[in-house]
Each structure stands twice: as structure tokens, then as C-alpha cells.
N, C-alpha and C. Protein backbone atom coordinates (compact mmCIF):
# COMPACT_ATOMS: atom_id res chain seq x y z
N MET A 1 0.86 -1.15 0.00
CA MET A 1 0.00 0.00 0.00
C MET A 1 0.91 1.22 0.00
N SER A 2 0.63 2.15 -0.88
CA SER A 2 1.48 3.33 -0.98
C SER A 2 1.09 4.33 0.09
N GLU A 3 1.96 5.27 0.29
CA GLU A 3 1.74 6.29 1.32
C GLU A 3 0.54 7.16 0.99
N GLU A 4 0.34 7.48 -0.27
CA GLU A 4 -0.80 8.30 -0.69
C GLU A 4 -2.12 7.58 -0.44
N THR A 5 -2.18 6.32 -0.72
CA THR A 5 -3.39 5.53 -0.49
C THR A 5 -3.68 5.45 1.01
N PHE A 6 -2.64 5.25 1.80
CA PHE A 6 -2.81 5.19 3.25
C PHE A 6 -3.35 6.51 3.79
N LEU A 7 -2.79 7.64 3.35
CA LEU A 7 -3.26 8.95 3.81
C LEU A 7 -4.68 9.23 3.35
N ALA A 8 -5.04 8.82 2.17
CA ALA A 8 -6.41 9.00 1.68
C ALA A 8 -7.39 8.16 2.51
N ALA A 9 -7.02 6.91 2.79
CA ALA A 9 -7.89 6.05 3.60
C ALA A 9 -8.02 6.60 5.02
N LEU A 10 -6.92 7.09 5.57
CA LEU A 10 -6.95 7.68 6.92
C LEU A 10 -7.83 8.94 6.93
N GLY A 11 -7.73 9.75 5.88
CA GLY A 11 -8.55 10.97 5.78
C GLY A 11 -10.03 10.65 5.68
N ILE A 12 -10.36 9.63 4.89
CA ILE A 12 -11.77 9.23 4.75
C ILE A 12 -12.28 8.67 6.08
N PHE A 13 -11.48 7.86 6.75
CA PHE A 13 -11.89 7.30 8.03
C PHE A 13 -12.12 8.40 9.07
N CYS A 14 -11.16 9.33 9.21
CA CYS A 14 -11.30 10.41 10.18
C CYS A 14 -12.44 11.35 9.82
N GLY A 15 -12.61 11.63 8.54
CA GLY A 15 -13.71 12.48 8.09
C GLY A 15 -15.06 11.86 8.40
N THR A 16 -15.17 10.55 8.20
CA THR A 16 -16.42 9.86 8.50
C THR A 16 -16.72 9.91 10.00
N ILE A 17 -15.72 9.66 10.82
CA ILE A 17 -15.90 9.73 12.27
C ILE A 17 -16.33 11.14 12.68
N PHE A 18 -15.69 12.16 12.11
CA PHE A 18 -16.04 13.54 12.43
C PHE A 18 -17.46 13.87 12.00
N ALA A 19 -17.85 13.45 10.80
CA ALA A 19 -19.20 13.75 10.30
C ALA A 19 -20.26 13.07 11.15
N VAL A 20 -20.05 11.82 11.53
CA VAL A 20 -21.02 11.11 12.37
C VAL A 20 -21.12 11.77 13.74
N SER A 21 -20.00 12.16 14.31
CA SER A 21 -20.02 12.82 15.62
C SER A 21 -20.74 14.17 15.56
N ALA A 22 -20.48 14.92 14.49
CA ALA A 22 -21.13 16.22 14.35
C ALA A 22 -22.64 16.06 14.19
N LEU A 23 -23.07 15.09 13.40
CA LEU A 23 -24.51 14.85 13.23
C LEU A 23 -25.16 14.40 14.54
N ALA A 24 -24.48 13.57 15.30
CA ALA A 24 -25.03 13.14 16.59
C ALA A 24 -25.14 14.32 17.55
N PHE A 25 -24.15 15.21 17.53
CA PHE A 25 -24.19 16.39 18.39
C PHE A 25 -25.34 17.31 18.01
N ILE A 26 -25.53 17.55 16.73
CA ILE A 26 -26.62 18.41 16.26
C ILE A 26 -27.97 17.78 16.58
N ASN A 27 -28.08 16.46 16.42
CA ASN A 27 -29.32 15.76 16.75
C ASN A 27 -29.66 15.93 18.23
N ARG A 28 -28.66 15.80 19.10
CA ARG A 28 -28.91 15.95 20.54
C ARG A 28 -29.33 17.38 20.88
N LEU A 29 -28.73 18.37 20.23
CA LEU A 29 -29.14 19.75 20.48
C LEU A 29 -30.59 19.99 20.07
N LEU A 30 -30.99 19.43 18.94
CA LEU A 30 -32.37 19.59 18.49
C LEU A 30 -33.34 18.86 19.43
N GLU A 31 -32.96 17.69 19.92
CA GLU A 31 -33.81 16.97 20.88
C GLU A 31 -33.99 17.76 22.17
N ARG A 32 -32.93 18.37 22.66
CA ARG A 32 -33.02 19.17 23.90
C ARG A 32 -33.95 20.36 23.70
N ARG A 33 -33.84 21.02 22.55
CA ARG A 33 -34.72 22.16 22.30
C ARG A 33 -36.17 21.71 22.25
N HIS A 34 -36.42 20.57 21.63
CA HIS A 34 -37.78 20.04 21.55
C HIS A 34 -38.30 19.67 22.95
N GLU A 35 -37.46 19.10 23.80
CA GLU A 35 -37.87 18.76 25.16
C GLU A 35 -38.21 20.01 25.97
N ARG A 36 -37.44 21.08 25.78
CA ARG A 36 -37.73 22.33 26.50
C ARG A 36 -39.06 22.92 26.07
N THR A 37 -39.38 22.84 24.79
CA THR A 37 -40.67 23.38 24.33
C THR A 37 -41.82 22.54 24.85
N LEU A 38 -41.61 21.24 25.04
CA LEU A 38 -42.68 20.40 25.57
C LEU A 38 -42.93 20.66 27.04
N ARG A 39 -41.88 20.98 27.79
CA ARG A 39 -42.01 21.22 29.22
C ARG A 39 -42.54 22.60 29.55
N ALA A 40 -42.46 23.53 28.64
CA ALA A 40 -42.90 24.91 28.90
C ALA A 40 -44.41 24.94 29.11
N PRO A 41 -44.90 25.76 30.05
CA PRO A 41 -46.35 25.84 30.25
C PRO A 41 -47.01 26.48 29.03
N SER A 42 -48.16 25.98 28.73
CA SER A 42 -48.85 26.49 27.54
C SER A 42 -49.48 27.85 27.85
N PRO A 43 -49.21 28.84 27.01
CA PRO A 43 -49.81 30.16 27.23
C PRO A 43 -51.25 30.21 26.77
N ALA A 44 -51.81 29.09 26.32
CA ALA A 44 -53.16 29.07 25.78
C ALA A 44 -54.23 29.00 26.87
N ASP A 45 -53.86 28.95 28.14
CA ASP A 45 -54.85 28.83 29.21
C ASP A 45 -54.74 29.99 30.20
N PRO A 46 -55.08 31.21 29.78
CA PRO A 46 -54.99 32.34 30.71
C PRO A 46 -56.06 32.30 31.80
N ASP A 47 -57.19 31.60 31.52
CA ASP A 47 -58.24 31.51 32.54
C ASP A 47 -57.75 30.75 33.77
N ARG A 48 -57.00 29.69 33.53
CA ARG A 48 -56.47 28.91 34.66
C ARG A 48 -55.53 29.75 35.51
N LEU A 49 -54.65 30.50 34.86
CA LEU A 49 -53.73 31.36 35.60
C LEU A 49 -54.48 32.44 36.37
N ASP A 50 -55.54 32.96 35.78
CA ASP A 50 -56.35 33.98 36.47
C ASP A 50 -57.02 33.39 37.71
N ARG A 51 -57.55 32.18 37.59
CA ARG A 51 -58.18 31.53 38.76
C ARG A 51 -57.16 31.26 39.85
N MET A 52 -55.97 30.82 39.46
CA MET A 52 -54.93 30.57 40.46
C MET A 52 -54.53 31.86 41.16
N GLU A 53 -54.44 32.95 40.41
CA GLU A 53 -54.07 34.22 41.02
C GLU A 53 -55.12 34.69 42.01
N ARG A 54 -56.40 34.54 41.64
CA ARG A 54 -57.47 34.93 42.57
C ARG A 54 -57.48 34.06 43.82
N ALA A 55 -57.21 32.77 43.68
CA ALA A 55 -57.18 31.87 44.83
C ALA A 55 -56.02 32.22 45.76
N ILE A 56 -54.88 32.55 45.19
CA ILE A 56 -53.72 32.93 46.01
C ILE A 56 -53.99 34.23 46.74
N ASP A 57 -54.62 35.19 46.06
CA ASP A 57 -54.95 36.46 46.71
C ASP A 57 -55.94 36.25 47.86
N ALA A 58 -56.94 35.40 47.65
CA ALA A 58 -57.93 35.13 48.70
C ALA A 58 -57.27 34.44 49.90
N THR A 59 -56.36 33.53 49.63
CA THR A 59 -55.65 32.84 50.72
C THR A 59 -54.79 33.82 51.50
N ALA A 60 -54.11 34.70 50.79
CA ALA A 60 -53.27 35.70 51.46
C ALA A 60 -54.11 36.61 52.34
N LEU A 61 -55.29 36.98 51.87
CA LEU A 61 -56.18 37.84 52.65
C LEU A 61 -56.65 37.13 53.92
N GLU A 62 -57.01 35.86 53.80
CA GLU A 62 -57.45 35.11 54.98
C GLU A 62 -56.32 34.92 55.99
N VAL A 63 -55.12 34.67 55.50
CA VAL A 63 -53.97 34.54 56.41
C VAL A 63 -53.74 35.85 57.14
N GLU A 64 -53.87 36.97 56.45
CA GLU A 64 -53.69 38.28 57.09
C GLU A 64 -54.77 38.51 58.16
N ARG A 65 -55.99 38.10 57.87
CA ARG A 65 -57.07 38.25 58.86
C ARG A 65 -56.79 37.41 60.11
N VAL A 66 -56.36 36.19 59.91
CA VAL A 66 -56.07 35.31 61.05
C VAL A 66 -54.91 35.88 61.88
N SER A 67 -53.88 36.37 61.21
CA SER A 67 -52.74 36.91 61.97
C SER A 67 -53.14 38.20 62.70
N GLU A 68 -54.01 39.01 62.10
CA GLU A 68 -54.47 40.22 62.78
C GLU A 68 -55.30 39.86 64.01
N ALA A 69 -56.15 38.85 63.90
CA ALA A 69 -56.94 38.40 65.05
C ALA A 69 -56.03 37.85 66.15
N SER A 70 -55.01 37.13 65.75
CA SER A 70 -54.07 36.59 66.73
C SER A 70 -53.33 37.71 67.45
N ARG A 71 -52.89 38.71 66.71
CA ARG A 71 -52.21 39.85 67.35
C ARG A 71 -53.15 40.58 68.31
N TYR A 72 -54.41 40.73 67.93
CA TYR A 72 -55.38 41.41 68.77
C TYR A 72 -55.60 40.64 70.08
N LEU A 73 -55.75 39.31 69.98
CA LEU A 73 -55.96 38.51 71.18
C LEU A 73 -54.73 38.53 72.09
N VAL A 74 -53.56 38.48 71.51
CA VAL A 74 -52.34 38.54 72.32
C VAL A 74 -52.26 39.88 73.04
N LYS A 75 -52.64 40.94 72.35
CA LYS A 75 -52.63 42.27 72.98
C LYS A 75 -53.63 42.32 74.13
N LEU A 76 -54.81 41.76 73.93
CA LEU A 76 -55.81 41.76 75.00
C LEU A 76 -55.35 40.92 76.19
N LEU A 77 -54.83 39.76 75.92
CA LEU A 77 -54.45 38.87 77.01
C LEU A 77 -53.19 39.33 77.74
N SER A 78 -52.30 40.01 77.06
CA SER A 78 -51.07 40.45 77.73
C SER A 78 -51.32 41.68 78.60
N GLY A 79 -52.32 42.48 78.30
CA GLY A 79 -52.59 43.68 79.07
C GLY A 79 -53.54 43.45 80.23
N ARG A 80 -54.02 42.26 80.36
CA ARG A 80 -55.03 41.97 81.37
C ARG A 80 -54.38 41.59 82.69
N ASP A 81 -54.88 42.16 83.77
CA ASP A 81 -54.41 41.80 85.11
C ASP A 81 -55.35 40.70 85.62
N ASP A 82 -54.83 39.49 85.77
CA ASP A 82 -55.67 38.35 86.10
C ASP A 82 -56.38 38.49 87.44
N ARG A 83 -55.72 38.99 88.43
CA ARG A 83 -56.33 39.07 89.75
C ARG A 83 -57.43 40.13 89.81
N ALA A 84 -57.24 41.24 89.16
CA ALA A 84 -58.22 42.32 89.24
C ALA A 84 -59.47 42.00 88.43
N GLN A 85 -59.37 41.21 87.40
CA GLN A 85 -60.49 40.94 86.52
C GLN A 85 -61.39 39.79 87.01
N LEU A 86 -60.89 38.95 87.88
CA LEU A 86 -61.68 37.81 88.32
C LEU A 86 -62.79 38.25 89.26
N PRO A 87 -63.99 37.67 89.11
CA PRO A 87 -65.09 38.03 90.03
C PRO A 87 -64.83 37.41 91.40
N ALA A 88 -65.47 38.00 92.41
CA ALA A 88 -65.32 37.48 93.77
C ALA A 88 -65.95 36.09 93.84
N ARG A 89 -65.36 35.25 94.64
CA ARG A 89 -65.86 33.88 94.73
C ARG A 89 -67.13 33.87 95.57
N ALA A 90 -68.15 33.28 94.99
CA ALA A 90 -69.44 33.23 95.70
C ALA A 90 -69.37 32.16 96.78
N GLU A 91 -70.16 32.39 97.85
CA GLU A 91 -70.20 31.40 98.91
C GLU A 91 -70.94 30.18 98.43
N ARG A 92 -70.55 29.06 98.99
CA ARG A 92 -71.21 27.82 98.59
C ARG A 92 -72.60 27.75 99.19
N VAL A 93 -73.50 27.34 98.38
CA VAL A 93 -74.90 27.22 98.83
C VAL A 93 -75.25 25.74 98.86
N ILE A 94 -75.76 25.32 100.00
CA ILE A 94 -76.15 23.92 100.12
C ILE A 94 -77.65 23.86 99.87
N THR A 95 -78.00 23.10 98.88
CA THR A 95 -79.41 22.98 98.54
C THR A 95 -79.94 21.64 99.05
N PRO A 96 -81.19 21.63 99.56
CA PRO A 96 -81.75 20.36 100.03
C PRO A 96 -82.12 19.46 98.83
N HIS A 97 -82.03 18.18 99.06
CA HIS A 97 -82.36 17.23 98.00
C HIS A 97 -83.75 16.73 98.14
């Protein structure tokens, strides 16, 4: 086998390996792009997003109401003097049976 034939065969072999690798790389890039488009949320359902937003706002409002009530009760209970607020103890009454 002459040197020219060997270099030509080596060039064809390396070129084929390079071409196959490049095509596999491009194929993988296209598959990844396709997977990303499949995973993206569809913008065709704005009603669903609107309902979710209203539900989140309503939940936030209720949480704020509960926390405000809790703060109010803590304020009432912390300012209260337990001994002064209790009614006088009534005497025991014995009732006939």
C-alpha cells in the first residue's frame, strides 16, 4: 500500500468519524430544544392562571385576617391583670335534695 493511499484512507476514516459525531451532536441539540418546548407551560390557558391568582390572593387575605386576630388577642391577654379581673368567689350554697 502506498503512502498516498494510506493517507487518503486515513482521511476518509477520520472524516467519517467527524461527520457522524457532528450529526449526533446536532441531533442531541435539536432533541433538547424540543424537550424544553414540551415542558414549557402552555400560554393558551390564561383563565387557569387567572383563577390561580385569585385563589392565592384570597388565601393571602385570609392569612392576614387570622394573623391580625391573633395579634389582637395577644394584645388583649397580655394587658389583662388576672387578679383584678376575676369576680369574687361566691359562697357555697347547700341545697336540700
